[in-house]
């Protein structure tokens, strides 16, 4: 087995559910529900089966929030375009 030269840094480290929830200001329950329903933040599943660890890339969490910025309550945002 070859060894990777990849060394995680603060910008590449994966976030767990609690870290991601804190980062975006939502609950872990919301993250789990969004994963189940689809359309939430893209995630990485580490392993297989129901007990597999779920992680999030920081840039995906940030992009999810950025895509939901609105200027007014009637602004449909980029998603509607």
PDB file of N, CA and C in Angstrom:
ATOM      1  N   UNK A   1       0.839  -1.178   0.000  1.00  0.00           N
ATOM      2  CA  UNK A   1       0.000   0.000   0.000  1.00  0.00           C
ATOM      3  C   UNK A   1       0.883   1.240   0.000  1.00  0.00           C
ATOM      4  N   UNK A   2       0.634   2.148  -0.917  1.00  0.00           N
ATOM      5  CA  UNK A   2       1.449   3.355  -0.981  1.00  0.00           C
ATOM      6  C   UNK A   2       0.935   4.391   0.006  1.00  0.00           C
ATOM      7  N   UNK A   3       1.840   5.197   0.481  1.00  0.00           N
ATOM      8  CA  UNK A   3       1.487   6.220   1.444  1.00  0.00           C
ATOM      9  C   UNK A   3       1.286   7.540   0.715  1.00  0.00           C
ATOM     10  N   UNK A   4       0.243   8.264   1.069  1.00  0.00           N
ATOM     11  CA  UNK A   4      -0.077   9.534   0.441  1.00  0.00           C
ATOM     12  C   UNK A   4       0.758  10.654   1.063  1.00  0.00           C
ATOM     13  N   UNK A   5       1.037  11.659   0.276  1.00  0.00           N
ATOM     14  CA  UNK A   5       1.735  12.836   0.772  1.00  0.00           C
ATOM     15  C   UNK A   5       0.757  13.908   1.228  1.00  0.00           C
ATOM     16  N   UNK A   6      -0.525  13.573   1.252  1.00  0.00           N
ATOM     17  CA  UNK A   6      -1.548  14.535   1.653  1.00  0.00           C
ATOM     18  C   UNK A   6      -1.459  14.819   3.146  1.00  0.00           C
ATOM     19  N   UNK A   7      -1.364  16.093   3.492  1.00  0.00           N
ATOM     20  CA  UNK A   7      -1.367  16.506   4.884  1.00  0.00           C
ATOM     21  C   UNK A   7      -2.498  17.508   5.064  1.00  0.00           C
ATOM     22  N   UNK A   8      -3.508  17.149   5.884  1.00  0.00           N
ATOM     23  CA  UNK A   8      -4.628  18.083   6.052  1.00  0.00           C
ATOM     24  C   UNK A   8      -4.168  19.397   6.679  1.00  0.00           C
ATOM     25  N   UNK A   9      -4.736  20.467   6.220  1.00  0.00           N
ATOM     26  CA  UNK A   9      -4.478  21.787   6.790  1.00  0.00           C
ATOM     27  C   UNK A   9      -5.816  22.351   7.259  1.00  0.00           C
ATOM     28  N   UNK A  10      -5.787  23.510   7.857  1.00  0.00           N
ATOM     29  CA  UNK A  10      -7.026  24.127   8.332  1.00  0.00           C
ATOM     30  C   UNK A  10      -8.008  24.334   7.187  1.00  0.00           C
ATOM     31  N   UNK A  11      -7.512  24.582   5.982  1.00  0.00           N
ATOM     32  CA  UNK A  11      -8.407  24.844   4.854  1.00  0.00           C
ATOM     33  C   UNK A  11      -8.888  23.566   4.164  1.00  0.00           C
ATOM     34  N   UNK A  12      -8.228  22.427   4.385  1.00  0.00           N
ATOM     35  CA  UNK A  12      -8.635  21.192   3.728  1.00  0.00           C
ATOM     36  C   UNK A  12      -9.221  20.160   4.682  1.00  0.00           C
ATOM     37  N   UNK A  13      -9.126  20.388   5.976  1.00  0.00           N
ATOM     38  CA  UNK A  13      -9.642  19.429   6.948  1.00  0.00           C
ATOM     39  C   UNK A  13     -11.158  19.327   6.825  1.00  0.00           C
ATOM     40  N   UNK A  14     -11.671  18.119   6.947  1.00  0.00           N
ATOM     41  CA  UNK A  14     -13.110  17.904   6.887  1.00  0.00           C
ATOM     42  C   UNK A  14     -13.744  18.241   8.229  1.00  0.00           C
ATOM     43  N   UNK A  15     -14.980  18.716   8.179  1.00  0.00           N
ATOM     44  CA  UNK A  15     -15.719  19.085   9.382  1.00  0.00           C
ATOM     45  C   UNK A  15     -16.690  17.974   9.749  1.00  0.00           C
ATOM     46  N   UNK A  16     -16.870  17.728  11.041  1.00  0.00           N
ATOM     47  CA  UNK A  16     -17.890  16.773  11.458  1.00  0.00           C
ATOM     48  C   UNK A  16     -19.252  17.484  11.495  1.00  0.00           C
ATOM     49  N   UNK A  17     -20.292  16.766  11.881  1.00  0.00           N
ATOM     50  CA  UNK A  17     -21.638  17.353  11.881  1.00  0.00           C
ATOM     51  C   UNK A  17     -21.733  18.565  12.813  1.00  0.00           C
ATOM     52  N   UNK A  18     -21.215  18.439  14.015  1.00  0.00           N
ATOM     53  CA  UNK A  18     -21.325  19.539  14.986  1.00  0.00           C
ATOM     54  C   UNK A  18     -20.575  20.776  14.501  1.00  0.00           C
ATOM     55  N   UNK A  19     -19.377  20.582  13.964  1.00  0.00           N
ATOM     56  CA  UNK A  19     -18.596  21.710  13.451  1.00  0.00           C
ATOM     57  C   UNK A  19     -19.308  22.383  12.286  1.00  0.00           C
ATOM     58  N   UNK A  20     -19.904  21.585  11.408  1.00  0.00           N
ATOM     59  CA  UNK A  20     -20.616  22.140  10.259  1.00  0.00           C
ATOM     60  C   UNK A  20     -21.864  22.889  10.708  1.00  0.00           C
ATOM     61  N   UNK A  21     -22.612  22.298  11.625  1.00  0.00           N
ATOM     62  CA  UNK A  21     -23.819  22.947  12.134  1.00  0.00           C
ATOM     63  C   UNK A  21     -23.480  24.299  12.766  1.00  0.00           C
ATOM     64  N   UNK A  22     -22.423  24.336  13.550  1.00  0.00           N
ATOM     65  CA  UNK A  22     -21.985  25.586  14.178  1.00  0.00           C
ATOM     66  C   UNK A  22     -21.567  26.596  13.113  1.00  0.00           C
ATOM     67  N   UNK A  23     -20.849  26.132  12.106  1.00  0.00           N
ATOM     68  CA  UNK A  23     -20.345  27.011  11.045  1.00  0.00           C
ATOM     69  C   UNK A  23     -21.475  27.702  10.289  1.00  0.00           C
ATOM     70  N   UNK A  24     -22.573  26.982  10.045  1.00  0.00           N
ATOM     71  CA  UNK A  24     -23.665  27.560   9.249  1.00  0.00           C
ATOM     72  C   UNK A  24     -24.825  28.063  10.112  1.00  0.00           C
ATOM     73  N   UNK A  25     -24.732  27.870  11.428  1.00  0.00           N
ATOM     74  CA  UNK A  25     -25.772  28.382  12.320  1.00  0.00           C
ATOM     75  C   UNK A  25     -27.057  27.566  12.316  1.00  0.00           C
ATOM     76  N   UNK A  26     -26.950  26.288  12.041  1.00  0.00           N
ATOM     77  CA  UNK A  26     -28.112  25.397  12.057  1.00  0.00           C
ATOM     78  C   UNK A  26     -27.825  24.259  13.030  1.00  0.00           C
ATOM     79  N   UNK A  27     -28.797  23.368  13.211  1.00  0.00           N
ATOM     80  CA  UNK A  27     -28.617  22.251  14.141  1.00  0.00           C
ATOM     81  C   UNK A  27     -28.104  21.007  13.423  1.00  0.00           C
ATOM     82  N   UNK A  28     -27.565  20.079  14.197  1.00  0.00           N
ATOM     83  CA  UNK A  28     -27.157  18.785  13.653  1.00  0.00           C
ATOM     84  C   UNK A  28     -28.394  18.072  13.093  1.00  0.00           C
ATOM     85  N   UNK A  29     -29.517  18.200  13.786  1.00  0.00           N
ATOM     86  CA  UNK A  29     -30.760  17.590  13.298  1.00  0.00           C
ATOM     87  C   UNK A  29     -31.106  18.109  11.898  1.00  0.00           C
ATOM     88  N   UNK A  30     -30.946  19.408  11.689  1.00  0.00           N
ATOM     89  CA  UNK A  30     -31.232  19.986  10.380  1.00  0.00           C
ATOM     90  C   UNK A  30     -30.317  19.382   9.312  1.00  0.00           C
ATOM     91  N   UNK A  31     -29.022  19.243   9.631  1.00  0.00           N
ATOM     92  CA  UNK A  31     -28.084  18.642   8.677  1.00  0.00           C
ATOM     93  C   UNK A  31     -28.505  17.217   8.310  1.00  0.00           C
ATOM     94  N   UNK A  32     -28.879  16.431   9.324  1.00  0.00           N
ATOM     95  CA  UNK A  32     -29.297  15.046   9.079  1.00  0.00           C
ATOM     96  C   UNK A  32     -30.557  14.992   8.232  1.00  0.00           C
ATOM     97  N   UNK A  33     -31.492  15.859   8.523  1.00  0.00           N
ATOM     98  CA  UNK A  33     -32.746  15.909   7.752  1.00  0.00           C
ATOM     99  C   UNK A  33     -32.462  16.338   6.307  1.00  0.00           C
ATOM    100  N   UNK A  34     -31.602  17.318   6.127  1.00  0.00           N
ATOM    101  CA  UNK A  34     -31.260  17.787   4.776  1.00  0.00           C
ATOM    102  C   UNK A  34     -30.544  16.691   3.984  1.00  0.00           C
ATOM    103  N   UNK A  35     -29.686  15.903   4.641  1.00  0.00           N
ATOM    104  CA  UNK A  35     -29.023  14.784   3.962  1.00  0.00           C
ATOM    105  C   UNK A  35     -30.050  13.754   3.511  1.00  0.00           C
ATOM    106  N   UNK A  36     -30.985  13.455   4.400  1.00  0.00           N
ATOM    107  CA  UNK A  36     -32.011  12.452   4.104  1.00  0.00           C
ATOM    108  C   UNK A  36     -32.909  12.910   2.957  1.00  0.00           C
ATOM    109  N   UNK A  37     -33.315  14.177   2.988  1.00  0.00           N
ATOM    110  CA  UNK A  37     -34.238  14.712   1.991  1.00  0.00           C
ATOM    111  C   UNK A  37     -33.546  15.078   0.678  1.00  0.00           C
ATOM    112  N   UNK A  38     -32.251  15.294   0.722  1.00  0.00           N
ATOM    113  CA  UNK A  38     -31.529  15.749  -0.468  1.00  0.00           C
ATOM    114  C   UNK A  38     -31.585  17.267  -0.561  1.00  0.00           C
ATOM    115  N   UNK A  39     -30.674  17.841  -1.298  1.00  0.00           N
ATOM    116  CA  UNK A  39     -30.678  19.281  -1.483  1.00  0.00           C
ATOM    117  C   UNK A  39     -29.928  20.060  -0.416  1.00  0.00           C
ATOM    118  N   UNK A  40     -29.329  19.381   0.544  1.00  0.00           N
ATOM    119  CA  UNK A  40     -28.560  20.063   1.577  1.00  0.00           C
ATOM    120  C   UNK A  40     -27.121  20.264   1.125  1.00  0.00           C
ATOM    121  N   UNK A  41     -26.263  20.417   2.083  1.00  0.00           N
ATOM    122  CA  UNK A  41     -24.841  20.609   1.809  1.00  0.00           C
ATOM    123  C   UNK A  41     -24.237  19.281   1.337  1.00  0.00           C
ATOM    124  N   UNK A  42     -23.459  19.294   0.265  1.00  0.00           N
ATOM    125  CA  UNK A  42     -22.781  18.058  -0.156  1.00  0.00           C
ATOM    126  C   UNK A  42     -21.932  17.513   0.989  1.00  0.00           C
ATOM    127  N   UNK A  43     -21.886  16.190   1.117  1.00  0.00           N
ATOM    128  CA  UNK A  43     -21.158  15.577   2.228  1.00  0.00           C
ATOM    129  C   UNK A  43     -20.294  14.424   1.751  1.00  0.00           C
ATOM    130  N   UNK A  44     -19.391  14.005   2.607  1.00  0.00           N
ATOM    131  CA  UNK A  44     -18.499  12.882   2.350  1.00  0.00           C
ATOM    132  C   UNK A  44     -18.877  11.785   3.328  1.00  0.00           C
ATOM    133  N   UNK A  45     -19.124  10.596   2.827  1.00  0.00           N
ATOM    134  CA  UNK A  45     -19.441   9.466   3.693  1.00  0.00           C
ATOM    135  C   UNK A  45     -18.189   8.611   3.816  1.00  0.00           C
ATOM    136  N   UNK A  46     -17.690   8.503   5.035  1.00  0.00           N
ATOM    137  CA  UNK A  46     -16.456   7.773   5.306  1.00  0.00           C
ATOM    138  C   UNK A  46     -16.805   6.363   5.768  1.00  0.00           C
ATOM    139  N   UNK A  47     -16.750   5.408   4.861  1.00  0.00           N
ATOM    140  CA  UNK A  47     -17.117   4.038   5.186  1.00  0.00           C
ATOM    141  C   UNK A  47     -18.459   3.691   4.567  1.00  0.00           C
ATOM    142  N   UNK A  48     -19.026   2.580   5.015  1.00  0.00           N
ATOM    143  CA  UNK A  48     -20.318   2.161   4.480  1.00  0.00           C
ATOM    144  C   UNK A  48     -21.234   1.744   5.624  1.00  0.00           C
ATOM    145  N   UNK A  49     -22.484   1.666   5.327  1.00  0.00           N
ATOM    146  CA  UNK A  49     -23.451   1.260   6.323  1.00  0.00           C
ATOM    147  C   UNK A  49     -24.006   2.430   7.108  1.00  0.00           C
ATOM    148  N   UNK A  50     -24.975   2.147   7.967  1.00  0.00           N
ATOM    149  CA  UNK A  50     -25.660   3.217   8.710  1.00  0.00           C
ATOM    150  C   UNK A  50     -24.782   3.918   9.754  1.00  0.00           C
ATOM    151  N   UNK A  51     -23.710   3.308  10.164  1.00  0.00           N
ATOM    152  CA  UNK A  51     -22.830   3.916  11.170  1.00  0.00           C
ATOM    153  C   UNK A  51     -21.610   4.609  10.569  1.00  0.00           C
ATOM    154  N   UNK A  52     -21.572   4.738   9.241  1.00  0.00           N
ATOM    155  CA  UNK A  52     -20.440   5.391   8.579  1.00  0.00           C
ATOM    156  C   UNK A  52     -20.373   6.860   9.002  1.00  0.00           C
ATOM    157  N   UNK A  53     -19.162   7.354   9.169  1.00  0.00           N
ATOM    158  CA  UNK A  53     -18.964   8.753   9.545  1.00  0.00           C
ATOM    159  C   UNK A  53     -19.306   9.663   8.371  1.00  0.00           C
ATOM    160  N   UNK A  54     -19.933  10.790   8.684  1.00  0.00           N
ATOM    161  CA  UNK A  54     -20.271  11.792   7.678  1.00  0.00           C
ATOM    162  C   UNK A  54     -19.428  13.024   7.961  1.00  0.00           C
ATOM    163  N   UNK A  55     -18.823  13.568   6.922  1.00  0.00           N
ATOM    164  CA  UNK A  55     -18.003  14.770   7.049  1.00  0.00           C
ATOM    165  C   UNK A  55     -18.384  15.749   5.949  1.00  0.00           C
ATOM    166  N   UNK A  56     -18.052  17.000   6.184  1.00  0.00           N
ATOM    167  CA  UNK A  56     -18.347  18.071   5.230  1.00  0.00           C
ATOM    168  C   UNK A  56     -17.071  18.831   4.915  1.00  0.00           C
ATOM    169  N   UNK A  57     -16.944  19.253   3.657  1.00  0.00           N
ATOM    170  CA  UNK A  57     -15.821  20.108   3.287  1.00  0.00           C
ATOM    171  C   UNK A  57     -16.186  21.549   3.649  1.00  0.00           C
ATOM    172  N   UNK A  58     -15.284  22.286   4.276  1.00  0.00           N
ATOM    173  CA  UNK A  58     -15.589  23.675   4.668  1.00  0.00           C
ATOM    174  C   UNK A  58     -16.061  24.525   3.491  1.00  0.00           C
ATOM    175  N   UNK A  59     -15.450  24.336   2.328  1.00  0.00           N
ATOM    176  CA  UNK A  59     -15.836  25.156   1.171  1.00  0.00           C
ATOM    177  C   UNK A  59     -17.254  24.863   0.710  1.00  0.00           C
ATOM    178  N   UNK A  60     -17.731  23.625   0.896  1.00  0.00           N
ATOM    179  CA  UNK A  60     -19.119  23.302   0.541  1.00  0.00           C
ATOM    180  C   UNK A  60     -20.098  23.966   1.497  1.00  0.00           C
ATOM    181  N   UNK A  61     -19.773  23.972   2.785  1.00  0.00           N
ATOM    182  CA  UNK A  61     -20.629  24.641   3.771  1.00  0.00           C
ATOM    183  C   UNK A  61     -20.693  26.139   3.486  1.00  0.00           C
ATOM    184  N   UNK A  62     -19.555  26.737   3.195  1.00  0.00           N
ATOM    185  CA  UNK A  62     -19.515  28.172   2.906  1.00  0.00           C
ATOM    186  C   UNK A  62     -20.271  28.499   1.623  1.00  0.00           C
ATOM    187  N   UNK A  63     -20.120  27.664   0.599  1.00  0.00           N
ATOM    188  CA  UNK A  63     -20.820  27.889  -0.668  1.00  0.00           C
ATOM    189  C   UNK A  63     -22.330  27.758  -0.488  1.00  0.00           C
ATOM    190  N   UNK A  64     -22.755  26.809   0.346  1.00  0.00           N
ATOM    191  CA  UNK A  64     -24.182  26.628   0.617  1.00  0.00           C
ATOM    192  C   UNK A  64     -24.781  27.894   1.223  1.00  0.00           C
ATOM    193  N   UNK A  65     -24.088  28.467   2.178  1.00  0.00           N
ATOM    194  CA  UNK A  65     -24.563  29.695   2.816  1.00  0.00           C
ATOM    195  C   UNK A  65     -24.534  30.853   1.820  1.00  0.00           C
ATOM    196  N   UNK A  66     -23.447  31.008   1.086  1.00  0.00           N
ATOM    197  CA  UNK A  66     -23.312  32.110   0.127  1.00  0.00           C
ATOM    198  C   UNK A  66     -24.404  32.080  -0.939  1.00  0.00           C
ATOM    199  N   UNK A  67     -24.812  30.883  -1.347  1.00  0.00           N
ATOM    200  CA  UNK A  67     -25.839  30.757  -2.381  1.00  0.00           C
ATOM    201  C   UNK A  67     -27.220  31.175  -1.877  1.00  0.00           C
ATOM    202  N   UNK A  68     -27.363  31.356  -0.579  1.00  0.00           N
ATOM    203  CA  UNK A  68     -28.659  31.695  -0.009  1.00  0.00           C
ATOM    204  C   UNK A  68     -28.770  33.136   0.477  1.00  0.00           C
ATOM    205  N   UNK A  69     -27.816  33.966   0.101  1.00  0.00           N
ATOM    206  CA  UNK A  69     -27.854  35.384   0.461  1.00  0.00           C
ATOM    207  C   UNK A  69     -28.919  36.073  -0.385  1.00  0.00           C
ATOM    208  N   UNK A  70     -29.751  36.862   0.277  1.00  0.00           N
ATOM    209  CA  UNK A  70     -30.821  37.596  -0.399  1.00  0.00           C
ATOM    210  C   UNK A  70     -30.754  39.069  -0.027  1.00  0.00           C
ATOM    211  N   UNK A  71     -31.303  39.916  -0.884  1.00  0.00           N
ATOM    212  CA  UNK A  71     -31.358  41.350  -0.611  1.00  0.00           C
ATOM    213  C   UNK A  71     -32.722  41.774  -0.073  1.00  0.00           C
ATOM    214  N   UNK A  72     -33.730  40.960  -0.281  1.00  0.00           N
ATOM    215  CA  UNK A  72     -35.062  41.245   0.257  1.00  0.00           C
ATOM    216  C   UNK A  72     -35.817  39.933   0.376  1.00  0.00           C
ATOM    217  N   UNK A  73     -36.964  39.969   1.052  1.00  0.00           N
ATOM    218  CA  UNK A  73     -37.769  38.737   1.208  1.00  0.00           C
ATOM    219  C   UNK A  73     -38.387  38.293  -0.109  1.00  0.00           C
ATOM    220  N   UNK A  74     -38.472  39.193  -1.080  1.00  0.00           N
ATOM    221  CA  UNK A  74     -39.035  38.819  -2.383  1.00  0.00           C
ATOM    222  C   UNK A  74     -37.961  38.392  -3.387  1.00  0.00           C
ATOM    223  N   UNK A  75     -36.707  38.472  -2.994  1.00  0.00           N
ATOM    224  CA  UNK A  75     -35.590  38.062  -3.856  1.00  0.00           C
ATOM    225  C   UNK A  75     -35.564  36.539  -3.960  1.00  0.00           C
ATOM    226  N   UNK A  76     -35.782  35.970  -5.166  1.00  0.00           N
ATOM    227  CA  UNK A  76     -35.787  34.511  -5.310  1.00  0.00           C
ATOM    228  C   UNK A  76     -34.387  33.903  -5.283  1.00  0.00           C
ATOM    229  N   UNK A  77     -33.369  34.735  -5.428  1.00  0.00           N
ATOM    230  CA  UNK A  77     -32.001  34.245  -5.416  1.00  0.00           C
ATOM    231  C   UNK A  77     -31.586  33.590  -6.713  1.00  0.00           C
ATOM    232  N   UNK A  78     -30.351  33.161  -6.754  1.00  0.00           N
ATOM    233  CA  UNK A  78     -29.790  32.543  -7.952  1.00  0.00           C
ATOM    234  C   UNK A  78     -30.404  31.185  -8.244  1.00  0.00           C
ATOM    235  N   UNK A  79     -30.885  30.492  -7.199  1.00  0.00           N
ATOM    236  CA  UNK A  79     -31.439  29.156  -7.365  1.00  0.00           C
ATOM    237  C   UNK A  79     -32.662  29.159  -8.280  1.00  0.00           C
ATOM    238  N   UNK A  80     -33.445  30.253  -8.234  1.00  0.00           N
ATOM    239  CA  UNK A  80     -34.666  30.330  -9.029  1.00  0.00           C
ATOM    240  C   UNK A  80     -34.406  30.663 -10.489  1.00  0.00           C
ATOM    241  N   UNK A  81     -33.235  31.171 -10.785  1.00  0.00           N
ATOM    242  CA  UNK A  81     -32.931  31.608 -12.154  1.00  0.00           C
ATOM    243  C   UNK A  81     -32.743  30.456 -13.110  1.00  0.00           C
TER     244      UNK A  81
END
